[in-house]
Structures are given as structure tokens and as C-alpha cells.
Amino acid sequence: MKNSTTGEEDEHRWIHLPQHRRKGVGVRKWLVISEDGECCLQEVGKHAIMKRTGLPHRELRVLDPMLCYPPSILGRERAIVINLEHIKGIITAKEVLMFNSTSPLVALFVDDLRHRVLSSGLSPKQSWFQDSVSLPTSGDKKREKIEIENTESRDMDREREASDGSDVDGMPQSKVDEPKTTGPKLLPFEFRALEACLDSACRCLESETQTLEQEAYPALDELTSKISTLNLEHVRQIKSRLVAISGRVQKVRDEIEHLLDDDNDMAEMYLTKKLDRQSLEQTSPREDPYNDKFLAGDEEIAEAANNEHNSEILTTTKPDIQELEMLLEAYFAQTDGILQKLSTMSEYVDDTEDCINIMLDDKQNQLLEMGVMFSTANVILNAGIVVVGLFGMNITISLFSAPHLRFWETLLGIVVGCIALYLIAFGWGKNKNLLP
């Protein structure tokens, strides 16, 4: 009795816990955007999210903003996990779930996604179901039979008149064979959400690249005209940002390329199609419960369809992924273009560094030449100092008793001799290509 009372007290205490203490158990605010464009905040725990999306706990860790994971696009049975730049969310066939964030980039993404959803004329499920599945009803059997007979008669008329080279129904043969043009096919909700995620990530990277371009090229040109410590520090910061952005773009590009190389991963991302297939499998056995023969036939057909499906999986047949492949290829080309811009900027930085190194080497060569010239002059001057030192010694020389004019002659001879020796040394250096 005491234990049950304690349990009730603990439960009562848990109910009256403050909101910030409850969040430590995994309850967080999620931003939910439905397929109708409605947006709301919901407080959901990890276990509820796992049950709602069918994702394991290790893949929810990819979305944790406190952890650093590389960019990834993961297609699973009931959801798509997106981790691209500031976009961290889960896409299902009915909604998009994201961590609540105050970032303006996330707000722009939400507005873009709602615009994409609301701008479509039909609901996603209706359009996708109409394009992918069309089942005849019992009231349309007569109409179908009449249409089949009419098409057969028209085919026979075409074959008969095509042999004569005449027109069919008053139209040229080339016009008859032209396929009918239909309107653009509406993408399912998960692909529109995926496109919004890719577009937001690419726009973010493109904006940062353009900002860096506007800042980098003038700074590099200024550095080539004036080499200073301030300009060198500015270019060093630009280069570090360039390396960081290039790495981010490269990771996003590699993730899209990896997804394009695997057809099975792309096939897993058709969530609406899988939901429609499941709903058809659930409703098809209940169409005619009063006829045992037809029930048995339906079971055999369903079993044969399952066997064919399993055999297709085993033989690794390429699934129909043209829509998603075209979507991913478009953003792969966009990220590749951004990477090319960054590569061009990196080459310009390398060229500027080479130019600066050449300029510094030229300055160093000029200093070395000046050092050689001063060293040569110093040697010649030391030779004159030696001569003067000899005359300053306390010895008896006949020159000391000479008239005063001899002093100036000796001094002039020493100076002229030093200059002549310097010119001889300079000419020898020019001859040996030691001086310019």
C-alpha cells in the first residue's frame, strides 16, 4: 500500500513539474507543416516521433542541432531524413517536421514550402493518384468496350489508308502520329518538400559565395598593389572562409551524387506511391466478398503480383525514378556550379599568392644586389684605409720629406685607385651575371 501511494505521489509530482524540466526527457517543440500548407508548433517526445515516422533513434540524432553530422539525405520506409545546412527535418507523405528554430533562414524555408504547397491546384494525393493509378469501375465497362471497338476500327482505317498514302480523318499522317501534349505532372508532397529543402540550402550557399566574391576580389587586387600586414591578414581570413564554404558545398554535392548513383535509395523516397500501394492492397480483397471463385482468383493474382515484386527486387530491376532523378540532377548541377565559382576564386587566390611571392622575391633580389654593391665598396674602402695606415706608421720614408704638393698627389692617387678597383669589381660581377 505504501508503494502504490508513493507511485501516485511521483506521478502527481511529474504532472506538476515545470515545463523546462519536462523537456529534459526528450520532449521538444517541433514545427509541423502539413500538406495543406498549415503550420503549427507541437511538443512531441522522441518516442512519439519514432512511432509517427518509423525512424530509429540513431537517425533522429542526425537532426540534433547540438551535434555535428555531415550533410545527409536518407530515404526510409515512411519518411525522409534531411540534414542540409540549416535544414534539419523529417519529411513524410503528409507533413514536414522540423526543430523549432528562430533562424531567419528557416523562416524563409517555411514560407517557400507553404508557397509550393498552396500554389498547386490539386491536392498532392489526388494528383499523384490520378497520374499513377487509374482503376475502372463497374459502370464504365460498356464505355470501355465501345472505346476499344472504336480504337480497333480506327487502327484498321489507318492501316488501310496508310498503304494508299492518304490522310486519316482529314489530317496528315505526321499529325496523327504526334503524341498528345499533357500538362505538367504535379510532384507528390514529399518531393516538393525535398525540392524546397534543396533550394533553400543551395540559395544559402549561393548567397555566401556571392558575398565572398564581392569581398575577395577587391581585397586580392588591393594586396597586389600594396603589400601590407593589414591586407595580408584580410586575405588570410578570406582564404579560410573560402576553404570552409568549399568544404560545405563539396559535402552537399557528394551527398546528392551518392543518392543519384543508387536507384534503390531513390525508389525508397516515393512515400506517397507506397501509401497508395498499401491502400490498394488493403481495399482490393474486399471488392466482391460474395463470389468465392473471384476471391480465389484475386488471391492467386495477389500472390503472383507479390512473387513478381519479389523477383523484381531480387533481379535488381531499375525502378521508375525519373522524376526524382531529374529533380536531384538539377540541384546537383547547381551545387556543381557553386563549386566551380569557388574553385575559380581559389585559383585566383593561388595566382595572387604566386604574384606576391614573385614580387617579394624580386624585392629580396634587389636587396641582395644592394648588399653586394655595398660589400664591394666596403672592400675597396678598406684597401684605401690600409694605404693610409701604412703612411701613418712611425717609420722613415723619403716621401715624408717631400714638398707639400706630394701629399695631395698621393691622396688623389689613393682615391682614384679605389674607384678604379670598384669599377673593375663591378664589371667582373656583370660579366659573371652576379649583378644586373
Protein backbone atom coordinates (compact mmCIF):
# COMPACT_ATOMS: atom_id res chain seq x y z
CA MET A 1 0.00 0.00 0.00
CA LYS A 2 2.87 2.26 0.79
CA ASN A 3 4.49 1.59 -2.60
CA SER A 4 1.32 2.40 -4.53
CA THR A 5 0.90 5.63 -2.62
CA THR A 6 4.47 6.57 -3.41
CA GLY A 7 3.88 5.85 -7.10
CA GLU A 8 0.79 8.07 -7.12
CA GLU A 9 2.76 10.82 -5.40
CA ASP A 10 5.55 10.51 -8.02
CA GLU A 11 3.04 10.69 -10.86
CA HIS A 12 1.36 13.70 -9.28
CA ARG A 13 4.76 15.32 -8.85
CA TRP A 14 5.64 14.63 -12.53
CA ILE A 15 2.39 16.20 -13.74
CA HIS A 16 3.11 19.38 -11.80
CA LEU A 17 6.73 19.64 -12.96
CA PRO A 18 7.66 22.91 -14.68
CA GLN A 19 7.75 22.93 -18.45
CA HIS A 20 11.54 23.44 -18.72
CA ARG A 21 12.17 20.37 -16.50
CA ARG A 22 9.91 18.15 -18.60
CA LYS A 23 11.91 18.90 -21.76
CA GLY A 24 14.92 17.08 -20.41
CA VAL A 25 13.15 13.78 -21.08
CA GLY A 26 13.14 14.31 -24.88
CA VAL A 27 10.06 16.49 -25.33
CA ARG A 28 10.81 19.29 -27.77
CA LYS A 29 8.92 21.79 -29.84
CA TRP A 30 8.56 20.68 -33.44
CA LEU A 31 7.45 22.89 -36.32
CA VAL A 32 4.92 20.89 -38.35
CA ILE A 33 3.96 21.89 -41.91
CA SER A 34 1.11 19.80 -43.31
CA GLU A 35 0.36 19.00 -46.94
CA ASP A 36 -2.39 21.65 -46.86
CA GLY A 37 0.13 24.37 -46.01
CA GLU A 38 -0.89 24.69 -42.38
CA CYS A 39 1.93 25.41 -39.93
CA CYS A 40 1.84 24.83 -36.19
CA LEU A 41 4.07 24.11 -33.19
CA GLN A 42 3.74 20.79 -31.39
CA GLU A 43 5.53 19.46 -28.31
CA VAL A 44 6.40 15.87 -29.13
CA GLY A 45 8.78 13.40 -27.50
CA LYS A 46 11.34 11.24 -29.23
CA HIS A 47 9.33 8.04 -28.86
CA ALA A 48 6.26 9.70 -30.36
CA ILE A 49 8.34 10.92 -33.30
CA MET A 50 9.81 7.44 -33.79
CA LYS A 51 6.31 5.94 -33.81
CA ARG A 52 5.00 8.69 -36.07
CA THR A 53 7.74 8.41 -38.70
CA GLY A 54 9.06 4.88 -38.25
CA LEU A 55 12.64 6.13 -37.76
CA PRO A 56 15.11 4.60 -35.31
CA HIS A 57 16.73 6.64 -32.57
CA ARG A 58 20.16 6.78 -34.26
CA GLU A 59 18.71 8.64 -37.25
CA LEU A 60 16.97 11.17 -35.02
CA ARG A 61 20.40 12.03 -33.63
CA VAL A 62 21.34 13.31 -37.08
CA LEU A 63 18.82 16.14 -36.57
CA ASP A 64 20.16 17.17 -33.16
CA PRO A 65 21.39 20.78 -33.50
CA MET A 66 23.88 20.24 -30.68
CA LEU A 67 25.70 17.51 -32.62
CA CYS A 68 27.75 17.93 -35.79
CA TYR A 69 26.88 15.47 -38.55
CA PRO A 70 27.79 15.66 -42.24
CA PRO A 71 25.02 16.54 -44.74
CA SER A 72 22.75 13.61 -45.48
CA ILE A 73 19.52 12.71 -47.31
CA LEU A 74 18.19 9.38 -46.03
CA GLY A 75 15.20 7.67 -47.61
CA ARG A 76 13.37 5.27 -45.30
CA GLU A 77 10.14 3.28 -45.37
CA ARG A 78 7.85 6.05 -44.13
CA ALA A 79 9.99 9.18 -44.02
CA ILE A 80 12.94 11.09 -45.49
CA VAL A 81 15.56 12.49 -43.13
CA ILE A 82 17.07 15.79 -44.30
CA ASN A 83 20.24 17.30 -42.85
CA LEU A 84 21.43 20.06 -45.20
CA GLU A 85 22.98 23.23 -43.83
CA HIS A 86 20.27 24.93 -41.71
CA ILE A 87 17.57 22.45 -42.82
CA LYS A 88 17.16 19.65 -40.28
CA GLY A 89 13.84 17.90 -40.56
CA ILE A 90 11.76 14.84 -41.38
CA ILE A 91 9.60 14.60 -44.49
CA THR A 92 6.66 12.22 -44.59
CA ALA A 93 3.93 11.77 -47.18
CA LYS A 94 1.63 14.09 -45.21
CA GLU A 95 3.81 16.60 -43.33
CA VAL A 96 7.24 18.03 -42.61
CA LEU A 97 8.61 18.07 -39.07
CA MET A 98 11.44 20.40 -38.07
CA PHE A 99 13.00 21.51 -34.83
CA ASN A 100 11.64 24.89 -33.80
CA SER A 101 14.25 27.50 -34.69
CA THR A 102 14.40 31.29 -34.67
CA SER A 103 16.77 31.41 -37.64
CA PRO A 104 15.54 33.69 -40.46
CA LEU A 105 16.72 31.10 -42.99
CA VAL A 106 14.32 28.54 -41.51
CA ALA A 107 11.51 31.11 -41.67
CA LEU A 108 12.25 31.70 -45.36
CA PHE A 109 12.25 27.93 -45.95
CA VAL A 110 8.84 27.55 -44.26
CA ASP A 111 7.37 30.37 -46.37
CA ASP A 112 8.79 28.81 -49.54
CA LEU A 113 7.42 25.38 -48.66
CA ARG A 114 3.96 26.75 -47.90
CA HIS A 115 4.01 28.66 -51.19
CA ARG A 116 4.93 25.49 -53.10
CA VAL A 117 2.15 23.53 -51.40
CA LEU A 118 -0.56 26.18 -51.73
CA SER A 119 0.31 27.09 -55.34
CA SER A 120 -0.71 23.62 -56.59
CA GLY A 121 -4.23 23.41 -57.93
CA LEU A 122 -4.93 19.83 -56.82
CA SER A 123 -4.14 18.16 -53.56
CA PRO A 124 -0.93 16.10 -53.68
CA LYS A 125 -2.56 12.76 -53.08
CA GLN A 126 -5.29 13.35 -55.65
CA SER A 127 -2.93 14.37 -58.45
CA TRP A 128 -0.41 11.63 -57.70
CA PHE A 129 -3.16 9.01 -57.51
CA GLN A 130 -4.66 10.17 -60.80
CA ASP A 131 -1.29 10.05 -62.56
CA SER A 132 -0.11 6.74 -61.14
CA VAL A 133 -3.29 4.63 -60.62
CA SER A 134 -6.50 4.53 -62.69
CA LEU A 135 -8.89 1.70 -61.86
CA PRO A 136 -12.08 1.22 -63.97
CA THR A 137 -15.38 0.97 -62.16
CA SER A 138 -18.21 -1.42 -62.93
CA GLY A 139 -20.32 1.35 -64.55
CA ASP A 140 -17.60 2.12 -67.12
CA LYS A 141 -17.28 -1.39 -68.63
CA LYS A 142 -19.67 -0.71 -71.51
CA ARG A 143 -17.97 2.59 -72.30
CA GLU A 144 -14.58 0.88 -72.31
CA LYS A 145 -15.84 -1.84 -74.62
CA ILE A 146 -17.18 0.76 -77.07
CA GLU A 147 -13.90 2.69 -76.91
CA ILE A 148 -11.90 -0.48 -77.62
CA GLU A 149 -14.06 -1.26 -80.66
CA ASN A 150 -13.70 2.32 -81.92
CA THR A 151 -9.92 2.28 -81.50
CA GLU A 152 -9.70 -1.06 -83.32
CA SER A 153 -11.73 0.31 -86.23
CA ARG A 154 -9.63 3.47 -86.36
CA ASP A 155 -6.44 1.38 -86.40
CA MET A 156 -7.75 -0.66 -89.30
CA ASP A 157 -8.67 2.55 -91.20
CA ARG A 158 -5.20 3.95 -90.57
CA GLU A 159 -3.51 0.80 -91.87
CA ARG A 160 -5.74 0.75 -94.94
CA GLU A 161 -5.25 4.40 -95.85
CA ALA A 162 -1.56 4.49 -94.84
CA SER A 163 -0.89 1.95 -97.59
CA ASP A 164 -2.56 4.34 -100.06
CA GLY A 165 -0.54 7.32 -98.75
CA SER A 166 -3.72 9.29 -97.94
CA ASP A 167 -4.65 11.16 -94.75
CA VAL A 168 -6.66 9.83 -91.85
CA ASP A 169 -9.71 11.79 -90.70
CA GLY A 170 -8.69 14.69 -92.89
CA MET A 171 -5.33 15.11 -91.16
CA PRO A 172 -1.83 14.31 -92.38
CA GLN A 173 -0.26 11.10 -91.15
CA SER A 174 2.50 13.00 -89.33
CA LYS A 175 -0.07 14.90 -87.30
CA VAL A 176 -1.97 11.75 -86.39
CA ASP A 177 1.14 10.08 -85.02
CA GLU A 178 2.08 13.05 -82.84
CA PRO A 179 1.68 12.34 -79.12
CA LYS A 180 -0.85 14.32 -77.20
CA THR A 181 0.66 17.01 -75.02
CA THR A 182 -0.43 16.98 -71.43
CA GLY A 183 0.13 19.49 -68.66
CA PRO A 184 3.00 19.34 -66.19
CA LYS A 185 2.73 16.47 -63.76
CA LEU A 186 2.32 17.57 -60.16
CA LEU A 187 5.00 16.23 -57.86
CA PRO A 188 3.95 14.45 -54.67
CA PHE A 189 4.22 16.27 -51.38
CA GLU A 190 7.50 14.69 -50.27
CA PHE A 191 9.26 15.71 -53.48
CA ARG A 192 8.00 19.28 -53.25
CA ALA A 193 9.26 19.41 -49.67
CA LEU A 194 12.58 17.89 -50.74
CA GLU A 195 12.85 20.44 -53.53
CA ALA A 196 12.21 23.25 -51.04
CA CYS A 197 14.96 21.87 -48.77
CA LEU A 198 17.47 21.59 -51.60
CA ASP A 199 16.54 25.02 -52.93
CA SER A 200 16.94 26.64 -49.51
CA ALA A 201 20.32 25.00 -48.92
CA CYS A 202 21.59 25.94 -52.40
CA ARG A 203 20.36 29.52 -52.03
CA CYS A 204 22.18 29.80 -48.70
CA LEU A 205 25.43 28.53 -50.21
CA GLU A 206 24.97 30.71 -53.31
CA SER A 207 24.41 33.81 -51.17
CA GLU A 208 27.51 33.15 -49.09
CA THR A 209 29.53 32.54 -52.25
CA GLN A 210 28.40 35.82 -53.82
CA THR A 211 29.18 37.72 -50.62
CA LEU A 212 32.63 36.19 -50.52
CA GLU A 213 33.21 37.03 -54.19
CA GLN A 214 32.29 40.68 -53.64
CA GLU A 215 34.74 40.84 -50.76
CA ALA A 216 37.55 38.66 -52.05
CA TYR A 217 38.38 40.07 -55.48
CA PRO A 218 38.84 43.72 -54.39
CA ALA A 219 40.93 42.61 -51.40
CA LEU A 220 43.17 40.48 -53.61
CA ASP A 221 43.62 43.31 -56.13
CA GLU A 222 44.48 45.71 -53.33
CA LEU A 223 47.03 43.28 -51.97
CA THR A 224 48.82 43.05 -55.31
CA SER A 225 49.05 46.85 -55.48
CA LYS A 226 50.12 47.34 -51.87
CA ILE A 227 51.60 44.57 -49.73
CA SER A 228 50.96 45.32 -46.07
CA THR A 229 50.32 43.40 -42.89
CA LEU A 230 46.67 44.54 -42.78
CA ASN A 231 45.97 43.40 -46.34
CA LEU A 232 47.72 40.09 -45.76
CA GLU A 233 45.60 39.43 -42.66
CA HIS A 234 42.41 40.29 -44.58
CA VAL A 235 43.30 37.89 -47.39
CA ARG A 236 44.16 35.17 -44.88
CA GLN A 237 40.66 35.43 -43.35
CA ILE A 238 39.08 35.35 -46.81
CA LYS A 239 41.03 32.23 -47.70
CA SER A 240 39.95 30.44 -44.53
CA ARG A 241 36.29 31.27 -45.28
CA LEU A 242 36.77 30.10 -48.85
CA VAL A 243 38.10 26.74 -47.68
CA ALA A 244 35.18 26.34 -45.24
CA ILE A 245 32.47 27.15 -47.81
CA SER A 246 34.12 24.93 -50.42
CA GLY A 247 34.06 22.02 -47.99
CA ARG A 248 30.36 22.54 -47.22
CA VAL A 249 29.41 22.76 -50.89
CA GLN A 250 31.51 19.70 -51.68
CA LYS A 251 29.74 17.67 -48.98
CA VAL A 252 26.27 18.65 -50.26
CA ARG A 253 27.31 17.86 -53.83
CA ASP A 254 28.75 14.48 -52.82
CA GLU A 255 25.57 13.58 -50.94
CA ILE A 256 23.38 14.36 -53.96
CA GLU A 257 25.77 12.46 -56.23
CA HIS A 258 25.74 9.46 -53.89
CA LEU A 259 21.94 9.49 -53.95
CA LEU A 260 21.89 9.69 -57.75
CA ASP A 261 24.19 6.69 -58.01
CA ASP A 262 21.86 4.43 -56.00
CA ASP A 263 18.49 3.75 -57.65
CA ASN A 264 17.16 1.78 -54.69
CA ASP A 265 17.70 4.71 -52.32
CA MET A 266 15.79 6.97 -54.68
CA ALA A 267 12.99 4.41 -55.01
CA GLU A 268 12.63 4.37 -51.20
CA MET A 269 11.80 8.08 -51.25
CA TYR A 270 8.49 7.59 -53.11
CA LEU A 271 6.42 7.79 -49.91
CA THR A 272 3.07 8.76 -51.47
CA LYS A 273 3.34 5.98 -54.01
CA LYS A 274 3.98 3.45 -51.25
CA LEU A 275 0.99 4.74 -49.29
CA ASP A 276 -1.25 4.43 -52.36
CA ARG A 277 0.02 0.90 -52.98
CA GLN A 278 -0.71 -0.06 -49.37
CA SER A 279 -4.21 1.40 -49.53
CA LEU A 280 -4.90 -0.51 -52.77
CA GLU A 281 -3.62 -3.75 -51.25
CA GLN A 282 -5.92 -3.25 -48.28
CA THR A 283 -9.05 -2.48 -50.35
CA SER A 284 -8.63 -4.87 -53.30
CA PRO A 285 -9.52 -8.16 -51.47
CA ARG A 286 -12.84 -6.67 -50.22
CA GLU A 287 -14.36 -5.77 -53.58
CA ASP A 288 -16.57 -8.89 -54.09
CA PRO A 289 -16.99 -10.92 -50.87
CA TYR A 290 -19.94 -12.96 -52.22
CA ASN A 291 -18.17 -14.77 -55.02
CA ASP A 292 -15.75 -17.42 -53.82
CA LYS A 293 -14.38 -18.09 -57.27
CA PHE A 294 -13.43 -14.49 -57.81
CA LEU A 295 -11.98 -14.34 -54.29
CA ALA A 296 -9.75 -17.30 -55.03
CA GLY A 297 -8.74 -15.73 -58.32
CA ASP A 298 -7.91 -12.47 -56.59
CA GLU A 299 -5.79 -14.29 -54.04
CA GLU A 300 -3.90 -16.04 -56.81
CA ILE A 301 -3.39 -12.75 -58.65
CA ALA A 302 -2.20 -11.04 -55.46
CA GLU A 303 0.18 -13.90 -54.74
CA ALA A 304 1.50 -13.78 -58.31
CA ALA A 305 1.95 -9.99 -58.01
CA ASN A 306 3.87 -10.43 -54.76
CA ASN A 307 6.08 -13.06 -56.38
CA GLU A 308 6.71 -10.77 -59.33
CA HIS A 309 7.52 -7.91 -56.96
CA ASN A 310 9.95 -10.09 -55.01
CA SER A 311 11.54 -11.33 -58.22
CA GLU A 312 11.99 -7.74 -59.39
CA ILE A 313 13.73 -6.88 -56.15
CA LEU A 314 15.95 -9.93 -56.41
CA THR A 315 16.88 -9.25 -60.02
CA THR A 316 17.62 -5.60 -59.13
CA THR A 317 15.45 -4.13 -61.88
CA LYS A 318 15.78 -0.39 -62.26
CA PRO A 319 12.71 1.28 -60.66
CA ASP A 320 10.81 4.19 -62.17
CA ILE A 321 12.65 7.12 -60.58
CA GLN A 322 12.75 9.57 -63.45
CA GLU A 323 11.01 12.44 -61.60
CA LEU A 324 13.28 12.29 -58.57
CA GLU A 325 16.34 11.77 -60.72
CA MET A 326 15.61 14.91 -62.76
CA LEU A 327 14.98 16.86 -59.55
CA LEU A 328 18.27 15.78 -57.98
CA GLU A 329 20.22 16.32 -61.18
CA ALA A 330 19.05 19.93 -61.34
CA TYR A 331 20.35 20.69 -57.85
CA PHE A 332 23.47 18.63 -58.46
CA ALA A 333 24.22 20.93 -61.40
CA GLN A 334 23.52 23.97 -59.22
CA THR A 335 25.89 22.83 -56.45
CA ASP A 336 28.45 21.93 -59.08
CA GLY A 337 28.18 25.47 -60.48
CA ILE A 338 28.70 26.94 -56.99
CA LEU A 339 31.71 24.69 -56.54
CA GLN A 340 33.10 25.88 -59.87
CA LYS A 341 32.78 29.51 -58.72
CA LEU A 342 34.63 28.70 -55.51
CA SER A 343 37.25 26.80 -57.47
CA THR A 344 37.77 29.82 -59.74
CA MET A 345 38.09 32.03 -56.68
CA SER A 346 40.58 29.61 -55.14
CA GLU A 347 42.64 29.67 -58.32
CA TYR A 348 42.60 33.48 -58.24
CA VAL A 349 43.83 33.39 -54.64
CA ASP A 350 46.61 30.99 -55.62
CA ASP A 351 47.58 33.21 -58.56
CA THR A 352 47.65 36.23 -56.26
CA GLU A 353 49.86 34.34 -53.82
CA ASP A 354 52.21 33.40 -56.65
CA CYS A 355 52.31 37.02 -57.83
CA ILE A 356 53.04 38.23 -54.31
CA ASN A 357 55.78 35.64 -53.90
CA ILE A 358 57.33 36.79 -57.18
CA MET A 359 57.18 40.41 -56.03
CA LEU A 360 58.73 39.50 -52.70
CA ASP A 361 61.47 37.51 -54.43
CA ASP A 362 62.18 40.50 -56.67
CA LYS A 363 62.46 42.77 -53.63
CA GLN A 364 64.75 40.24 -51.99
CA ASN A 365 66.93 40.11 -55.10
CA GLN A 366 67.19 43.89 -55.14
CA LEU A 367 68.26 43.89 -51.51
CA LEU A 368 70.86 41.24 -52.24
CA GLU A 369 72.21 43.26 -55.16
CA MET A 370 72.44 46.34 -52.99
CA GLY A 371 74.21 44.28 -50.35
CA VAL A 372 76.74 43.06 -52.91
CA MET A 373 77.41 46.59 -54.10
CA PHE A 374 77.91 47.89 -50.57
CA SER A 375 80.14 44.95 -49.70
CA THR A 376 82.32 45.64 -52.75
CA ALA A 377 82.57 49.33 -51.87
CA ASN A 378 83.47 48.39 -48.31
CA VAL A 379 86.30 46.14 -49.55
CA ILE A 380 87.73 48.86 -51.77
CA LEU A 381 87.47 51.42 -48.97
CA ASN A 382 89.29 49.08 -46.65
CA ALA A 383 92.10 48.89 -49.22
CA GLY A 384 92.47 52.67 -49.10
CA ILE A 385 92.39 52.58 -45.31
CA VAL A 386 95.30 50.11 -45.42
CA VAL A 387 97.34 52.53 -47.54
CA VAL A 388 96.57 55.39 -45.17
CA GLY A 389 97.53 53.19 -42.24
CA LEU A 390 100.87 52.44 -43.81
CA PHE A 391 101.59 56.13 -44.15
CA GLY A 392 100.60 56.69 -40.55
CA MET A 393 103.22 54.32 -39.21
CA ASN A 394 106.24 55.76 -37.33
CA ILE A 395 108.84 54.90 -39.95
CA THR A 396 111.23 56.94 -42.02
CA ILE A 397 110.14 57.32 -45.66
CA SER A 398 111.53 59.70 -48.24
CA LEU A 399 108.02 60.80 -49.09
CA PHE A 400 107.67 62.43 -45.66
CA SER A 401 110.43 64.89 -46.51
CA ALA A 402 108.89 65.73 -49.91
CA PRO A 403 107.22 69.07 -50.61
CA HIS A 404 103.62 69.71 -49.58
CA LEU A 405 102.35 69.09 -53.12
CA ARG A 406 103.24 65.40 -52.94
CA PHE A 407 100.68 64.88 -50.16
CA TRP A 408 97.81 65.87 -52.40
CA GLU A 409 99.15 63.79 -55.25
CA THR A 410 99.31 60.73 -53.00
CA LEU A 411 95.80 61.35 -51.67
CA LEU A 412 94.38 61.73 -55.18
CA GLY A 413 96.14 58.58 -56.33
CA ILE A 414 94.61 56.57 -53.46
CA VAL A 415 91.07 57.81 -54.24
CA VAL A 416 91.42 57.17 -57.98
CA GLY A 417 92.81 53.72 -57.33
CA CYS A 418 89.86 52.82 -55.06
CA ILE A 419 87.37 53.97 -57.66
CA ALA A 420 89.16 52.03 -60.39
CA LEU A 421 89.19 48.88 -58.28
CA TYR A 422 85.46 49.28 -57.58
CA LEU A 423 84.65 49.65 -61.28
CA ILE A 424 86.77 46.63 -62.08
CA ALA A 425 84.93 44.58 -59.43
CA PHE A 426 81.52 45.79 -60.70
CA GLY A 427 82.41 44.90 -64.30
CA TRP A 428 83.57 41.44 -63.23
CA GLY A 429 80.24 40.91 -61.44
CA LYS A 430 78.31 41.94 -64.55
CA ASN A 431 80.40 39.61 -66.67
CA LYS A 432 79.66 36.67 -64.36
CA ASN A 433 75.90 37.55 -64.20
CA LEU A 434 76.17 38.22 -60.48
CA LEU A 435 74.81 41.75 -60.87
CA PRO A 436 72.09 43.08 -63.23
